[in-house]
């Protein structure tokens, strides 16, 4: 009897733990591979509960503003588990089966944070594929992964929103960020100010330390005062040619290239749509 109760309890735990996983992707659409005709969820869903209420409110407002202003869906969500999917598959399905994407091309992108195995993934669709190239996705990860690793999930998602807006603006100009047009990482004002003050303090300490060791030395007015009279005698003078060293440097032509190509890699999701994407561990 105890074994039966234990088995039932284990089954109940599995069912309960699975509910948050599949609740984020509506089964009525995923199972039939159909796309909703309208967006089903907010642009930020924190199923993993890693954000405070105020942080959620601020992020939703920012994501909504960017999305509506540029007509590109900028989406983020967190979850506890991937439910057997790969990180990229989960991000693709979440975007498709929750009806995200603006305009006839369902333009936009989503970032996913999963807490079970510390996975994060990015998925783009429509114009989102052009906005975040392979290079652009690498740049995004470089900027936000340190925050994720430190548990600063709000900062990571806030940077994601800011970077997304910057990338959308550059894409609208017809010059999306790529290997031949690189984005620049941004340092916070606090970090810059701290670095300047810290450098000045260290420099002052070092200079004062050196100065204190030279208190017994008085300044002389002429160079001859630093030379002991009669201490320098030149006995032999001659010039010897030792060797010649010639170096050659090959100059590459501009046609040789850097070996790296730009653009965006794509794949097909379970719905049959074409997505860009990448994933990382944090």
Protein backbone atom coordinates (compact mmCIF):
# COMPACT_ATOMS: atom_id res chain seq x y z
CA UNK A 1 0.00 0.00 0.00
CA UNK A 2 2.84 2.39 0.85
CA UNK A 3 4.41 1.75 -2.55
CA UNK A 4 1.10 2.62 -4.27
CA UNK A 5 0.79 5.89 -2.37
CA UNK A 6 4.41 6.72 -3.14
CA UNK A 7 3.85 6.08 -6.86
CA UNK A 8 0.69 8.21 -6.87
CA UNK A 9 2.49 11.03 -5.07
CA UNK A 10 5.37 10.92 -7.54
CA UNK A 11 2.94 11.02 -10.46
CA UNK A 12 1.12 13.97 -8.94
CA UNK A 13 4.37 15.87 -8.50
CA UNK A 14 5.29 15.21 -12.14
CA UNK A 15 1.93 16.43 -13.38
CA UNK A 16 2.00 19.55 -11.22
CA UNK A 17 5.56 20.41 -12.23
CA UNK A 18 4.70 19.96 -15.89
CA UNK A 19 1.81 22.44 -15.81
CA UNK A 20 3.97 25.61 -15.92
CA UNK A 21 6.03 24.10 -18.74
CA UNK A 22 3.22 23.47 -21.18
CA UNK A 23 1.01 26.35 -20.02
CA UNK A 24 3.36 28.81 -21.74
CA UNK A 25 2.77 27.11 -25.11
CA UNK A 26 -0.96 26.54 -25.81
CA UNK A 27 -1.45 22.88 -26.67
CA UNK A 28 -4.47 23.54 -28.89
CA UNK A 29 -2.17 25.38 -31.32
CA UNK A 30 1.06 23.42 -30.82
CA UNK A 31 -0.59 20.02 -31.30
CA UNK A 32 -2.25 21.07 -34.56
CA UNK A 33 0.69 23.19 -35.78
CA UNK A 34 -1.59 26.19 -36.30
CA UNK A 35 -0.83 29.86 -35.61
CA UNK A 36 -3.23 32.04 -33.59
CA UNK A 37 -4.70 34.98 -35.49
CA UNK A 38 -3.81 37.39 -32.67
CA UNK A 39 -1.30 37.74 -29.85
CA UNK A 40 -2.32 35.67 -26.83
CA UNK A 41 0.09 36.92 -24.15
CA UNK A 42 1.89 40.06 -22.93
CA UNK A 43 5.32 40.80 -24.37
CA UNK A 44 6.84 39.79 -21.03
CA UNK A 45 5.80 36.64 -19.14
CA UNK A 46 7.74 35.69 -16.00
CA UNK A 47 6.62 32.09 -15.39
CA UNK A 48 9.85 31.40 -13.45
CA UNK A 49 9.06 34.29 -11.08
CA UNK A 50 12.57 35.74 -11.15
CA UNK A 51 11.44 39.39 -11.39
CA UNK A 52 9.71 41.61 -8.88
CA UNK A 53 6.33 43.13 -9.71
CA UNK A 54 7.86 46.56 -10.25
CA UNK A 55 10.54 45.12 -12.52
CA UNK A 56 7.92 43.32 -14.59
CA UNK A 57 5.88 46.49 -14.92
CA UNK A 58 8.86 48.56 -16.07
CA UNK A 59 9.98 45.94 -18.60
CA UNK A 60 6.51 45.43 -20.06
CA UNK A 61 6.13 49.18 -20.54
CA UNK A 62 9.47 49.40 -22.31
CA UNK A 63 8.87 46.35 -24.53
CA UNK A 64 5.38 47.62 -25.44
CA UNK A 65 6.69 51.08 -26.31
CA UNK A 66 9.46 49.76 -28.54
CA UNK A 67 7.20 47.21 -30.23
CA UNK A 68 4.41 49.68 -30.99
CA UNK A 69 6.73 52.48 -32.08
CA UNK A 70 8.65 50.37 -34.59
CA UNK A 71 5.99 47.75 -35.35
CA UNK A 72 8.42 44.95 -34.42
CA UNK A 73 7.42 42.61 -31.58
CA UNK A 74 10.14 42.60 -28.91
CA UNK A 75 9.29 39.73 -26.55
CA UNK A 76 10.80 38.08 -23.46
CA UNK A 77 9.71 35.23 -21.21
CA UNK A 78 11.07 33.05 -18.41
CA UNK A 79 10.20 29.46 -17.57
CA UNK A 80 11.26 26.73 -15.15
CA UNK A 81 11.79 23.90 -17.65
CA UNK A 82 11.89 23.26 -21.40
CA UNK A 83 9.59 20.24 -21.32
CA UNK A 84 11.80 18.08 -23.53
CA UNK A 85 12.42 20.72 -26.19
CA UNK A 86 15.79 22.26 -27.01
CA UNK A 87 16.16 25.93 -25.99
CA UNK A 88 15.77 27.13 -29.59
CA UNK A 89 12.75 24.90 -30.20
CA UNK A 90 11.09 26.23 -27.07
CA UNK A 91 11.73 29.85 -28.07
CA UNK A 92 10.41 29.19 -31.63
CA UNK A 93 7.25 27.46 -30.41
CA UNK A 94 6.55 30.07 -27.75
CA UNK A 95 6.75 32.83 -30.38
CA UNK A 96 4.67 31.01 -33.00
CA UNK A 97 1.93 29.39 -30.92
CA UNK A 98 1.29 32.48 -28.80
CA UNK A 99 0.66 34.57 -31.90
CA UNK A 100 3.59 36.97 -31.61
CA UNK A 101 4.79 39.03 -34.55
CA UNK A 102 3.54 42.26 -36.08
CA UNK A 103 2.33 42.93 -39.60
CA UNK A 104 1.81 40.45 -42.39
CA UNK A 105 5.29 39.02 -41.84
CA UNK A 106 4.80 38.42 -38.10
CA UNK A 107 7.93 40.49 -37.54
CA UNK A 108 9.78 40.33 -34.24
CA UNK A 109 11.95 38.29 -31.92
CA UNK A 110 11.92 36.73 -28.48
CA UNK A 111 14.42 35.90 -25.77
CA UNK A 112 13.83 32.99 -23.38
CA UNK A 113 15.35 32.29 -19.94
CA UNK A 114 14.91 28.77 -18.52
CA UNK A 115 16.00 28.18 -14.94
CA UNK A 116 16.19 24.36 -14.76
CA UNK A 117 19.46 23.99 -16.69
CA UNK A 118 20.29 27.69 -16.96
CA UNK A 119 19.48 27.90 -20.67
CA UNK A 120 18.73 31.02 -22.66
CA UNK A 121 17.75 31.29 -26.32
CA UNK A 122 16.91 33.86 -28.98
CA UNK A 123 14.51 33.41 -31.88
CA UNK A 124 13.74 35.86 -34.68
CA UNK A 125 11.08 35.84 -37.38
CA UNK A 126 10.25 38.01 -40.38
CA UNK A 127 12.14 41.30 -40.20
CA UNK A 128 13.58 40.10 -36.90
CA UNK A 129 15.85 37.78 -38.91
CA UNK A 130 17.38 40.79 -40.68
CA UNK A 131 17.62 42.97 -37.57
CA UNK A 132 19.64 40.49 -35.48
CA UNK A 133 22.22 38.84 -37.73
CA UNK A 134 24.49 36.07 -36.46
CA UNK A 135 26.94 38.77 -35.42
CA UNK A 136 24.15 40.73 -33.74
CA UNK A 137 23.08 37.74 -31.68
CA UNK A 138 26.67 37.14 -30.54
CA UNK A 139 26.90 40.81 -29.56
CA UNK A 140 23.65 40.52 -27.58
CA UNK A 141 24.93 37.49 -25.65
CA UNK A 142 28.20 39.25 -24.86
CA UNK A 143 26.28 42.14 -23.33
CA UNK A 144 23.67 40.29 -21.25
CA UNK A 145 25.16 36.93 -20.24
CA UNK A 146 27.35 38.41 -17.47
CA UNK A 147 24.22 39.82 -15.82
CA UNK A 148 22.39 36.49 -16.13
CA UNK A 149 25.33 34.65 -14.56
CA UNK A 150 25.23 37.09 -11.64
CA UNK A 151 21.49 36.59 -11.22
CA UNK A 152 20.72 40.14 -12.38
CA UNK A 153 17.88 39.09 -14.67
CA UNK A 154 16.19 42.48 -14.73
CA UNK A 155 19.40 44.18 -15.88
CA UNK A 156 19.88 41.52 -18.56
CA UNK A 157 16.36 41.94 -19.96
CA UNK A 158 16.53 45.73 -19.70
CA UNK A 159 19.74 45.68 -21.78
CA UNK A 160 18.04 43.30 -24.23
CA UNK A 161 15.28 45.87 -24.73
CA UNK A 162 17.73 48.76 -25.20
CA UNK A 163 19.94 46.80 -27.59
CA UNK A 164 16.87 45.70 -29.56
CA UNK A 165 15.78 49.31 -30.07
CA UNK A 166 19.29 50.31 -31.16
CA UNK A 167 19.45 47.40 -33.63
CA UNK A 168 15.98 48.19 -35.03
CA UNK A 169 16.97 51.83 -35.62
CA UNK A 170 20.14 50.80 -37.43
CA UNK A 171 18.23 48.29 -39.55
CA UNK A 172 15.72 50.98 -40.52
CA UNK A 173 18.62 53.06 -41.86
CA UNK A 174 19.47 50.19 -44.18
CA UNK A 175 22.71 49.42 -42.32
CA UNK A 176 21.96 46.56 -39.90
CA UNK A 177 24.75 45.65 -37.52
CA UNK A 178 26.92 42.87 -38.93
CA UNK A 179 30.57 41.81 -39.26
CA UNK A 180 31.28 44.80 -41.50
CA UNK A 181 29.31 47.25 -39.35
CA UNK A 182 29.86 46.47 -35.71
CA UNK A 183 27.89 47.71 -32.72
CA UNK A 184 29.63 49.28 -29.77
CA UNK A 185 29.17 48.05 -26.23
CA UNK A 186 28.01 50.69 -23.80
CA UNK A 187 29.54 51.38 -20.39
CA UNK A 188 27.34 52.79 -17.68
CA UNK A 189 28.03 56.33 -16.41
CA UNK A 190 28.59 54.97 -12.91
CA UNK A 191 31.24 52.54 -14.13
CA UNK A 192 33.06 55.25 -16.07
CA UNK A 193 32.98 57.68 -13.14
CA UNK A 194 34.19 54.98 -10.75
CA UNK A 195 37.06 54.05 -13.06
CA UNK A 196 38.20 57.69 -13.35
CA UNK A 197 38.05 58.32 -9.61
CA UNK A 198 39.74 54.98 -8.84
CA UNK A 199 42.56 55.68 -11.28
CA UNK A 200 43.13 59.16 -9.84
CA UNK A 201 43.28 57.83 -6.27
CA UNK A 202 45.74 55.05 -7.18
CA UNK A 203 47.92 57.51 -9.09
CA UNK A 204 48.00 59.91 -6.15
CA UNK A 205 48.94 57.14 -3.71
CA UNK A 206 51.79 55.89 -5.94
CA UNK A 207 53.18 59.37 -6.59
CA UNK A 208 53.12 60.28 -2.90
CA UNK A 209 54.85 56.99 -2.02
CA UNK A 210 57.66 57.66 -4.50
CA UNK A 211 57.97 61.25 -3.36
CA UNK A 212 58.33 60.21 0.29
CA UNK A 213 61.32 58.00 -0.58
CA UNK A 214 63.21 60.94 -2.14
CA UNK A 215 63.02 63.42 0.71
CA UNK A 216 66.81 63.19 1.36
CA UNK A 217 67.66 64.21 -2.20
CA UNK A 218 67.90 67.89 -3.05
CA UNK A 219 67.55 69.26 -6.55
CA UNK A 220 70.78 70.24 -8.34
CA UNK A 221 71.02 73.10 -10.84
CA UNK A 222 73.38 71.61 -13.41
CA UNK A 223 74.07 68.22 -15.00
CA UNK A 224 77.69 68.33 -13.89
CA UNK A 225 76.54 68.18 -10.28
CA UNK A 226 75.37 64.59 -10.83
CA UNK A 227 78.76 63.36 -12.16
CA UNK A 228 81.68 62.50 -9.88
CA UNK A 229 84.74 64.33 -11.13
CA UNK A 230 87.39 62.10 -12.71
CA UNK A 231 85.16 59.01 -12.62
CA UNK A 232 84.71 58.73 -16.41
CA UNK A 233 87.73 57.90 -18.61
CA UNK A 234 87.53 56.97 -22.31
CA UNK A 235 90.50 54.72 -23.18
CA UNK A 236 89.51 53.14 -26.55
CA UNK A 237 87.25 54.45 -29.28
CA UNK A 238 86.21 52.43 -32.36
CA UNK A 239 83.14 51.59 -34.52
CA UNK A 240 82.28 47.88 -35.11
CA UNK A 241 79.69 46.70 -37.68
CA UNK A 242 77.98 43.70 -36.11
CA UNK A 243 75.20 42.44 -38.41
CA UNK A 244 72.28 43.41 -40.60
CA UNK A 245 68.73 42.26 -39.87
CA UNK A 246 66.09 42.48 -42.64
CA UNK A 247 62.41 41.75 -41.96
CA UNK A 248 59.74 41.23 -44.59
CA UNK A 249 56.00 41.66 -43.97
CA UNK A 250 53.41 40.35 -46.40
CA UNK A 251 50.70 42.89 -47.22
CA UNK A 252 47.36 41.24 -47.90
CA UNK A 253 45.23 42.60 -50.70
CA UNK A 254 41.77 43.88 -49.92
CA UNK A 255 40.24 41.00 -51.87
CA UNK A 256 41.63 38.39 -49.51
CA UNK A 257 38.88 39.08 -46.93
CA UNK A 258 38.81 38.26 -43.24
CA UNK A 259 37.48 34.73 -43.51
CA UNK A 260 34.23 35.66 -41.76
CA UNK A 261 30.89 36.03 -43.47
CA UNK A 262 27.90 38.08 -42.38
CA UNK A 263 24.17 37.53 -42.62
CA UNK A 264 21.85 35.35 -40.60
CA UNK A 265 21.46 31.57 -40.38
CA UNK A 266 17.88 30.29 -40.36
CA UNK A 267 16.01 27.06 -39.64
CA UNK A 268 12.42 25.86 -39.71
CA UNK A 269 10.38 25.60 -36.52
CA UNK A 270 7.75 22.94 -35.81
CA UNK A 271 5.11 25.23 -37.36
CA UNK A 272 7.05 25.28 -40.62
CA UNK A 273 8.08 28.92 -40.27
CA UNK A 274 11.61 30.18 -40.93
CA UNK A 275 13.38 31.43 -37.79
CA UNK A 276 16.81 32.70 -36.88
CA UNK A 277 18.16 31.74 -33.49
CA UNK A 278 20.91 30.85 -31.08
CA UNK A 279 21.22 29.64 -27.48
CA UNK A 280 23.66 29.87 -24.60
CA UNK A 281 24.21 28.62 -21.04
CA UNK A 282 24.45 31.08 -18.17
